[in-house]
Amino acid sequence: MPDRLDALPVASPCVRLCTLNAQDVCVGCGRTLADITGWTKMSEAEKQACVAQARATLQQLGRPLPPYPPPNLPLRQAPRRR
């Protein structure tokens, strides 16, 4: 187990409100489309910087800041038809 918090992997800031604005910025997490698609290839330092930039972007957009890391919410399933 890592003994330092900065040694832990950076969690994705995705909050499952995936909607891009006209500038290709997600209004849920604040990342750009390029950040979202490149997340798995980023180093931990790049991910930390990405999350910091995403928070700043959300503040500039006047959007609420989601919790980081986001809670592990179960995916909603469509209701069964009878």
PDB file of N, CA and C in Angstrom:
ATOM      1  N   MET A   1       0.842  -1.180   0.000  1.00  0.00           N
ATOM      2  CA  MET A   1       0.000   0.000   0.000  1.00  0.00           C
ATOM      3  C   MET A   1       0.885   1.240   0.000  1.00  0.00           C
ATOM      4  N   PRO A   2       0.604   2.229  -0.868  1.00  0.00           N
ATOM      5  CA  PRO A   2       1.431   3.424  -0.903  1.00  0.00           C
ATOM      6  C   PRO A   2       1.340   4.190   0.408  1.00  0.00           C
ATOM      7  N   ASP A   3       2.451   4.764   0.819  1.00  0.00           N
ATOM      8  CA  ASP A   3       2.444   5.515   2.070  1.00  0.00           C
ATOM      9  C   ASP A   3       2.258   7.010   1.828  1.00  0.00           C
ATOM     10  N   ARG A   4       2.128   7.413   0.583  1.00  0.00           N
ATOM     11  CA  ARG A   4       1.905   8.827   0.264  1.00  0.00           C
ATOM     12  C   ARG A   4       0.668   8.939  -0.612  1.00  0.00           C
ATOM     13  N   LEU A   5      -0.135   9.976  -0.351  1.00  0.00           N
ATOM     14  CA  LEU A   5      -1.340  10.164  -1.145  1.00  0.00           C
ATOM     15  C   LEU A   5      -1.032  10.437  -2.603  1.00  0.00           C
ATOM     16  N   ASP A   6       0.100  11.130  -2.878  1.00  0.00           N
ATOM     17  CA  ASP A   6       0.402  11.451  -4.269  1.00  0.00           C
ATOM     18  C   ASP A   6       0.899  10.231  -5.039  1.00  0.00           C
ATOM     19  N   ALA A   7       1.089   9.109  -4.340  1.00  0.00           N
ATOM     20  CA  ALA A   7       1.504   7.885  -5.014  1.00  0.00           C
ATOM     21  C   ALA A   7       0.299   7.081  -5.502  1.00  0.00           C
ATOM     22  N   LEU A   8      -0.907   7.480  -5.075  1.00  0.00           N
ATOM     23  CA  LEU A   8      -2.114   6.784  -5.508  1.00  0.00           C
ATOM     24  C   LEU A   8      -2.452   7.172  -6.940  1.00  0.00           C
ATOM     25  N   PRO A   9      -3.055   6.271  -7.698  1.00  0.00           N
ATOM     26  CA  PRO A   9      -3.455   6.616  -9.061  1.00  0.00           C
ATOM     27  C   PRO A   9      -4.515   7.723  -9.047  1.00  0.00           C
ATOM     28  N   VAL A  10      -4.470   8.582 -10.033  1.00  0.00           N
ATOM     29  CA  VAL A  10      -5.435   9.670 -10.142  1.00  0.00           C
ATOM     30  C   VAL A  10      -6.724   9.112 -10.735  1.00  0.00           C
ATOM     31  N   ALA A  11      -7.823   9.313 -10.027  1.00  0.00           N
ATOM     32  CA  ALA A  11      -9.117   8.828 -10.501  1.00  0.00           C
ATOM     33  C   ALA A  11      -9.635   9.742 -11.608  1.00  0.00           C
ATOM     34  N   SER A  12     -10.339   9.163 -12.534  1.00  0.00           N
ATOM     35  CA  SER A  12     -10.975   9.947 -13.591  1.00  0.00           C
ATOM     36  C   SER A  12     -11.982  10.908 -12.964  1.00  0.00           C
ATOM     37  N   PRO A  13     -12.016  12.144 -13.434  1.00  0.00           N
ATOM     38  CA  PRO A  13     -12.979  13.103 -12.886  1.00  0.00           C
ATOM     39  C   PRO A  13     -14.375  12.972 -13.488  1.00  0.00           C
ATOM     40  N   CYS A  14     -14.600  11.970 -14.310  1.00  0.00           N
ATOM     41  CA  CYS A  14     -15.896  11.784 -14.967  1.00  0.00           C
ATOM     42  C   CYS A  14     -16.997  11.639 -13.919  1.00  0.00           C
ATOM     43  N   VAL A  15     -18.084  12.392 -14.095  1.00  0.00           N
ATOM     44  CA  VAL A  15     -19.227  12.315 -13.188  1.00  0.00           C
ATOM     45  C   VAL A  15     -20.476  11.835 -13.922  1.00  0.00           C
ATOM     46  N   ARG A  16     -20.273  11.257 -15.097  1.00  0.00           N
ATOM     47  CA  ARG A  16     -21.348  10.679 -15.907  1.00  0.00           C
ATOM     48  C   ARG A  16     -22.405  11.700 -16.302  1.00  0.00           C
ATOM     49  N   LEU A  17     -21.951  12.922 -16.556  1.00  0.00           N
ATOM     50  CA  LEU A  17     -22.800  13.966 -17.115  1.00  0.00           C
ATOM     51  C   LEU A  17     -22.089  14.424 -18.382  1.00  0.00           C
ATOM     52  N   CYS A  18     -21.929  13.504 -19.296  1.00  0.00           N
ATOM     53  CA  CYS A  18     -21.101  13.703 -20.482  1.00  0.00           C
ATOM     54  C   CYS A  18     -21.844  14.502 -21.547  1.00  0.00           C
ATOM     55  N   THR A  19     -21.647  15.813 -21.510  1.00  0.00           N
ATOM     56  CA  THR A  19     -22.251  16.713 -22.478  1.00  0.00           C
ATOM     57  C   THR A  19     -21.206  17.744 -22.865  1.00  0.00           C
ATOM     58  N   LEU A  20     -20.867  17.786 -24.156  1.00  0.00           N
ATOM     59  CA  LEU A  20     -19.870  18.735 -24.634  1.00  0.00           C
ATOM     60  C   LEU A  20     -20.533  20.035 -25.051  1.00  0.00           C
ATOM     61  N   ASN A  21     -19.870  21.158 -24.715  1.00  0.00           N
ATOM     62  CA  ASN A  21     -20.372  22.448 -25.174  1.00  0.00           C
ATOM     63  C   ASN A  21     -19.777  22.754 -26.549  1.00  0.00           C
ATOM     64  N   ALA A  22     -19.986  23.948 -27.051  1.00  0.00           N
ATOM     65  CA  ALA A  22     -19.516  24.323 -28.390  1.00  0.00           C
ATOM     66  C   ALA A  22     -17.994  24.307 -28.510  1.00  0.00           C
ATOM     67  N   GLN A  23     -17.284  24.399 -27.392  1.00  0.00           N
ATOM     68  CA  GLN A  23     -15.816  24.377 -27.392  1.00  0.00           C
ATOM     69  C   GLN A  23     -15.267  22.975 -27.117  1.00  0.00           C
ATOM     70  N   ASP A  24     -16.115  21.954 -27.206  1.00  0.00           N
ATOM     71  CA  ASP A  24     -15.734  20.565 -26.927  1.00  0.00           C
ATOM     72  C   ASP A  24     -15.202  20.382 -25.514  1.00  0.00           C
ATOM     73  N   VAL A  25     -15.854  21.049 -24.556  1.00  0.00           N
ATOM     74  CA  VAL A  25     -15.539  20.893 -23.138  1.00  0.00           C
ATOM     75  C   VAL A  25     -16.739  20.239 -22.474  1.00  0.00           C
ATOM     76  N   CYS A  26     -16.496  19.194 -21.708  1.00  0.00           N
ATOM     77  CA  CYS A  26     -17.560  18.508 -20.994  1.00  0.00           C
ATOM     78  C   CYS A  26     -18.058  19.402 -19.854  1.00  0.00           C
ATOM     79  N   VAL A  27     -19.365  19.655 -19.818  1.00  0.00           N
ATOM     80  CA  VAL A  27     -19.920  20.507 -18.770  1.00  0.00           C
ATOM     81  C   VAL A  27     -20.107  19.739 -17.462  1.00  0.00           C
ATOM     82  N   GLY A  28     -19.873  18.433 -17.479  1.00  0.00           N
ATOM     83  CA  GLY A  28     -19.946  17.637 -16.259  1.00  0.00           C
ATOM     84  C   GLY A  28     -18.637  17.626 -15.490  1.00  0.00           C
ATOM     85  N   CYS A  29     -17.527  17.350 -16.214  1.00  0.00           N
ATOM     86  CA  CYS A  29     -16.231  17.228 -15.527  1.00  0.00           C
ATOM     87  C   CYS A  29     -15.252  18.353 -15.861  1.00  0.00           C
ATOM     88  N   GLY A  30     -15.497  19.086 -16.945  1.00  0.00           N
ATOM     89  CA  GLY A  30     -14.628  20.204 -17.291  1.00  0.00           C
ATOM     90  C   GLY A  30     -13.460  19.861 -18.187  1.00  0.00           C
ATOM     91  N   ARG A  31     -13.350  18.601 -18.603  1.00  0.00           N
ATOM     92  CA  ARG A  31     -12.239  18.224 -19.477  1.00  0.00           C
ATOM     93  C   ARG A  31     -12.597  18.486 -20.934  1.00  0.00           C
ATOM     94  N   THR A  32     -11.568  18.688 -21.733  1.00  0.00           N
ATOM     95  CA  THR A  32     -11.780  18.819 -23.171  1.00  0.00           C
ATOM     96  C   THR A  32     -11.966  17.426 -23.760  1.00  0.00           C
ATOM     97  N   LEU A  33     -12.478  17.393 -24.990  1.00  0.00           N
ATOM     98  CA  LEU A  33     -12.633  16.109 -25.671  1.00  0.00           C
ATOM     99  C   LEU A  33     -11.278  15.413 -25.811  1.00  0.00           C
ATOM    100  N   ALA A  34     -10.239  16.191 -26.097  1.00  0.00           N
ATOM    101  CA  ALA A  34      -8.888  15.618 -26.215  1.00  0.00           C
ATOM    102  C   ALA A  34      -8.422  15.022 -24.886  1.00  0.00           C
ATOM    103  N   ASP A  35      -8.740  15.699 -23.768  1.00  0.00           N
ATOM    104  CA  ASP A  35      -8.372  15.173 -22.450  1.00  0.00           C
ATOM    105  C   ASP A  35      -9.107  13.868 -22.160  1.00  0.00           C
ATOM    106  N   ILE A  36     -10.382  13.829 -22.513  1.00  0.00           N
ATOM    107  CA  ILE A  36     -11.193  12.644 -22.238  1.00  0.00           C
ATOM    108  C   ILE A  36     -10.671  11.447 -23.034  1.00  0.00           C
ATOM    109  N   THR A  37     -10.432  11.648 -24.315  1.00  0.00           N
ATOM    110  CA  THR A  37      -9.993  10.530 -25.151  1.00  0.00           C
ATOM    111  C   THR A  37      -8.542  10.134 -24.869  1.00  0.00           C
ATOM    112  N   GLY A  38      -7.749  11.045 -24.342  1.00  0.00           N
ATOM    113  CA  GLY A  38      -6.351  10.743 -24.063  1.00  0.00           C
ATOM    114  C   GLY A  38      -6.058  10.344 -22.637  1.00  0.00           C
ATOM    115  N   TRP A  39      -7.091  10.274 -21.783  1.00  0.00           N
ATOM    116  CA  TRP A  39      -6.903  10.023 -20.351  1.00  0.00           C
ATOM    117  C   TRP A  39      -6.060   8.784 -20.065  1.00  0.00           C
ATOM    118  N   THR A  40      -6.324   7.694 -20.727  1.00  0.00           N
ATOM    119  CA  THR A  40      -5.629   6.440 -20.411  1.00  0.00           C
ATOM    120  C   THR A  40      -4.158   6.470 -20.807  1.00  0.00           C
ATOM    121  N   LYS A  41      -3.780   7.389 -21.675  1.00  0.00           N
ATOM    122  CA  LYS A  41      -2.379   7.488 -22.098  1.00  0.00           C
ATOM    123  C   LYS A  41      -1.591   8.510 -21.276  1.00  0.00           C
ATOM    124  N   MET A  42      -2.266   9.247 -20.393  1.00  0.00           N
ATOM    125  CA  MET A  42      -1.604  10.281 -19.594  1.00  0.00           C
ATOM    126  C   MET A  42      -0.825   9.668 -18.439  1.00  0.00           C
ATOM    127  N   SER A  43       0.276  10.317 -18.086  1.00  0.00           N
ATOM    128  CA  SER A  43       1.006   9.942 -16.870  1.00  0.00           C
ATOM    129  C   SER A  43       0.197  10.424 -15.665  1.00  0.00           C
ATOM    130  N   GLU A  44       0.550   9.973 -14.487  1.00  0.00           N
ATOM    131  CA  GLU A  44      -0.161  10.406 -13.278  1.00  0.00           C
ATOM    132  C   GLU A  44      -0.029  11.921 -13.091  1.00  0.00           C
ATOM    133  N   ALA A  45       1.139  12.473 -13.388  1.00  0.00           N
ATOM    134  CA  ALA A  45       1.335  13.925 -13.277  1.00  0.00           C
ATOM    135  C   ALA A  45       0.454  14.667 -14.273  1.00  0.00           C
ATOM    136  N   GLU A  46       0.339  14.129 -15.477  1.00  0.00           N
ATOM    137  CA  GLU A  46      -0.532  14.752 -16.481  1.00  0.00           C
ATOM    138  C   GLU A  46      -1.998  14.677 -16.057  1.00  0.00           C
ATOM    139  N   LYS A  47      -2.387  13.561 -15.455  1.00  0.00           N
ATOM    140  CA  LYS A  47      -3.754  13.425 -14.967  1.00  0.00           C
ATOM    141  C   LYS A  47      -4.049  14.426 -13.860  1.00  0.00           C
ATOM    142  N   GLN A  48      -3.096  14.613 -12.944  1.00  0.00           N
ATOM    143  CA  GLN A  48      -3.273  15.601 -11.877  1.00  0.00           C
ATOM    144  C   GLN A  48      -3.451  16.997 -12.461  1.00  0.00           C
ATOM    145  N   ALA A  49      -2.638  17.331 -13.446  1.00  0.00           N
ATOM    146  CA  ALA A  49      -2.746  18.643 -14.096  1.00  0.00           C
ATOM    147  C   ALA A  49      -4.071  18.769 -14.840  1.00  0.00           C
ATOM    148  N   CYS A  50      -4.507  17.692 -15.464  1.00  0.00           N
ATOM    149  CA  CYS A  50      -5.773  17.679 -16.203  1.00  0.00           C
ATOM    150  C   CYS A  50      -6.941  17.944 -15.256  1.00  0.00           C
ATOM    151  N   VAL A  51      -6.954  17.286 -14.109  1.00  0.00           N
ATOM    152  CA  VAL A  51      -8.023  17.475 -13.135  1.00  0.00           C
ATOM    153  C   VAL A  51      -8.019  18.908 -12.612  1.00  0.00           C
ATOM    154  N   ALA A  52      -6.848  19.459 -12.340  1.00  0.00           N
ATOM    155  CA  ALA A  52      -6.758  20.845 -11.870  1.00  0.00           C
ATOM    156  C   ALA A  52      -7.292  21.809 -12.934  1.00  0.00           C
ATOM    157  N   GLN A  53      -6.926  21.589 -14.184  1.00  0.00           N
ATOM    158  CA  GLN A  53      -7.408  22.443 -15.268  1.00  0.00           C
ATOM    159  C   GLN A  53      -8.917  22.283 -15.449  1.00  0.00           C
ATOM    160  N   ALA A  54      -9.412  21.063 -15.316  1.00  0.00           N
ATOM    161  CA  ALA A  54     -10.845  20.818 -15.456  1.00  0.00           C
ATOM    162  C   ALA A  54     -11.630  21.571 -14.391  1.00  0.00           C
ATOM    163  N   ARG A  55     -11.134  21.563 -13.166  1.00  0.00           N
ATOM    164  CA  ARG A  55     -11.800  22.311 -12.084  1.00  0.00           C
ATOM    165  C   ARG A  55     -11.814  23.803 -12.396  1.00  0.00           C
ATOM    166  N   ALA A  56     -10.692  24.323 -12.877  1.00  0.00           N
ATOM    167  CA  ALA A  56     -10.621  25.751 -13.224  1.00  0.00           C
ATOM    168  C   ALA A  56     -11.590  26.070 -14.363  1.00  0.00           C
ATOM    169  N   THR A  57     -11.680  25.170 -15.323  1.00  0.00           N
ATOM    170  CA  THR A  57     -12.590  25.367 -16.452  1.00  0.00           C
ATOM    171  C   THR A  57     -14.038  25.401 -15.981  1.00  0.00           C
ATOM    172  N   LEU A  58     -14.418  24.475 -15.105  1.00  0.00           N
ATOM    173  CA  LEU A  58     -15.783  24.469 -14.581  1.00  0.00           C
ATOM    174  C   LEU A  58     -16.098  25.765 -13.852  1.00  0.00           C
ATOM    175  N   GLN A  59     -15.142  26.274 -13.087  1.00  0.00           N
ATOM    176  CA  GLN A  59     -15.353  27.538 -12.376  1.00  0.00           C
ATOM    177  C   GLN A  59     -15.539  28.681 -13.363  1.00  0.00           C
ATOM    178  N   GLN A  60     -14.736  28.706 -14.432  1.00  0.00           N
ATOM    179  CA  GLN A  60     -14.875  29.745 -15.456  1.00  0.00           C
ATOM    180  C   GLN A  60     -16.237  29.660 -16.141  1.00  0.00           C
ATOM    181  N   LEU A  61     -16.749  28.448 -16.315  1.00  0.00           N
ATOM    182  CA  LEU A  61     -18.042  28.255 -16.954  1.00  0.00           C
ATOM    183  C   LEU A  61     -19.214  28.506 -16.001  1.00  0.00           C
ATOM    184  N   GLY A  62     -18.903  28.712 -14.723  1.00  0.00           N
ATOM    185  CA  GLY A  62     -19.953  28.909 -13.732  1.00  0.00           C
ATOM    186  C   GLY A  62     -20.690  27.628 -13.387  1.00  0.00           C
ATOM    187  N   ARG A  63     -20.047  26.491 -13.604  1.00  0.00           N
ATOM    188  CA  ARG A  63     -20.634  25.185 -13.320  1.00  0.00           C
ATOM    189  C   ARG A  63     -20.246  24.742 -11.910  1.00  0.00           C
ATOM    190  N   PRO A  64     -21.087  23.954 -11.265  1.00  0.00           N
ATOM    191  CA  PRO A  64     -20.731  23.453  -9.936  1.00  0.00           C
ATOM    192  C   PRO A  64     -19.569  22.476 -10.033  1.00  0.00           C
ATOM    193  N   LEU A  65     -18.754  22.474  -9.002  1.00  0.00           N
ATOM    194  CA  LEU A  65     -17.631  21.534  -8.957  1.00  0.00           C
ATOM    195  C   LEU A  65     -18.109  20.202  -8.409  1.00  0.00           C
ATOM    196  N   PRO A  66     -17.916  19.142  -9.175  1.00  0.00           N
ATOM    197  CA  PRO A  66     -18.288  17.818  -8.660  1.00  0.00           C
ATOM    198  C   PRO A  66     -17.251  17.347  -7.652  1.00  0.00           C
ATOM    199  N   PRO A  67     -17.612  16.360  -6.857  1.00  0.00           N
ATOM    200  CA  PRO A  67     -16.607  15.803  -5.942  1.00  0.00           C
ATOM    201  C   PRO A  67     -15.518  15.087  -6.731  1.00  0.00           C
ATOM    202  N   TYR A  68     -14.290  15.213  -6.272  1.00  0.00           N
ATOM    203  CA  TYR A  68     -13.167  14.512  -6.879  1.00  0.00           C
ATOM    204  C   TYR A  68     -12.507  13.686  -5.804  1.00  0.00           C
ATOM    205  N   PRO A  69     -12.264  12.425  -5.973  1.00  0.00           N
ATOM    206  CA  PRO A  69     -12.757  11.638  -7.098  1.00  0.00           C
ATOM    207  C   PRO A  69     -14.261  11.487  -6.996  1.00  0.00           C
ATOM    208  N   PRO A  70     -14.922  11.245  -8.121  1.00  0.00           N
ATOM    209  CA  PRO A  70     -16.372  11.118  -8.091  1.00  0.00           C
ATOM    210  C   PRO A  70     -16.797   9.865  -7.350  1.00  0.00           C
ATOM    211  N   PRO A  71     -18.003   9.896  -6.779  1.00  0.00           N
ATOM    212  CA  PRO A  71     -18.481   8.678  -6.102  1.00  0.00           C
ATOM    213  C   PRO A  71     -18.696   7.570  -7.119  1.00  0.00           C
ATOM    214  N   ASN A  72     -18.555   6.355  -6.669  1.00  0.00           N
ATOM    215  CA  ASN A  72     -18.793   5.200  -7.541  1.00  0.00           C
ATOM    216  C   ASN A  72     -20.289   4.936  -7.587  1.00  0.00           C
ATOM    217  N   LEU A  73     -20.921   5.504  -8.580  1.00  0.00           N
ATOM    218  CA  LEU A  73     -22.365   5.344  -8.711  1.00  0.00           C
ATOM    219  C   LEU A  73     -22.667   4.172  -9.631  1.00  0.00           C
ATOM    220  N   PRO A  74     -23.655   3.376  -9.272  1.00  0.00           N
ATOM    221  CA  PRO A  74     -24.015   2.284 -10.181  1.00  0.00           C
ATOM    222  C   PRO A  74     -24.650   2.857 -11.443  1.00  0.00           C
ATOM    223  N   LEU A  75     -24.437   2.186 -12.556  1.00  0.00           N
ATOM    224  CA  LEU A  75     -25.064   2.616 -13.798  1.00  0.00           C
ATOM    225  C   LEU A  75     -26.547   2.330 -13.708  1.00  0.00           C
ATOM    226  N   ARG A  76     -27.333   3.246 -14.218  1.00  0.00           N
ATOM    227  CA  ARG A  76     -28.775   3.033 -14.219  1.00  0.00           C
ATOM    228  C   ARG A  76     -29.138   2.066 -15.333  1.00  0.00           C
ATOM    229  N   GLN A  77     -30.026   1.189 -15.009  1.00  0.00           N
ATOM    230  CA  GLN A  77     -30.496   0.240 -16.007  1.00  0.00           C
ATOM    231  C   GLN A  77     -31.899   0.645 -16.440  1.00  0.00           C
ATOM    232  N   ALA A  78     -32.197   0.418 -17.694  1.00  0.00           N
ATOM    233  CA  ALA A  78     -33.521   0.725 -18.193  1.00  0.00           C
ATOM    234  C   ALA A  78     -34.540  -0.174 -17.498  1.00  0.00           C
ATOM    235  N   PRO A  79     -35.720   0.369 -17.193  1.00  0.00           N
ATOM    236  CA  PRO A  79     -36.735  -0.473 -16.550  1.00  0.00           C
ATOM    237  C   PRO A  79     -37.160  -1.603 -17.485  1.00  0.00           C
ATOM    238  N   ARG A  80     -37.461  -2.722 -16.893  1.00  0.00           N
ATOM    239  CA  ARG A  80     -37.896  -3.878 -17.675  1.00  0.00           C
ATOM    240  C   ARG A  80     -39.340  -3.670 -18.136  1.00  0.00           C
ATOM    241  N   ARG A  81     -39.578  -4.061 -19.358  1.00  0.00           N
ATOM    242  CA  ARG A  81     -40.950  -3.991 -19.877  1.00  0.00           C
ATOM    243  C   ARG A  81     -41.672  -5.275 -19.564  1.00  0.00           C
ATOM    244  N   ARG A  82     -42.913  -5.128 -19.274  1.00  0.00           N
ATOM    245  CA  ARG A  82     -43.724  -6.317 -18.953  1.00  0.00           C
ATOM    246  C   ARG A  82     -44.525  -6.743 -20.135  1.00  0.00           C
TER     247      ARG A  82
END
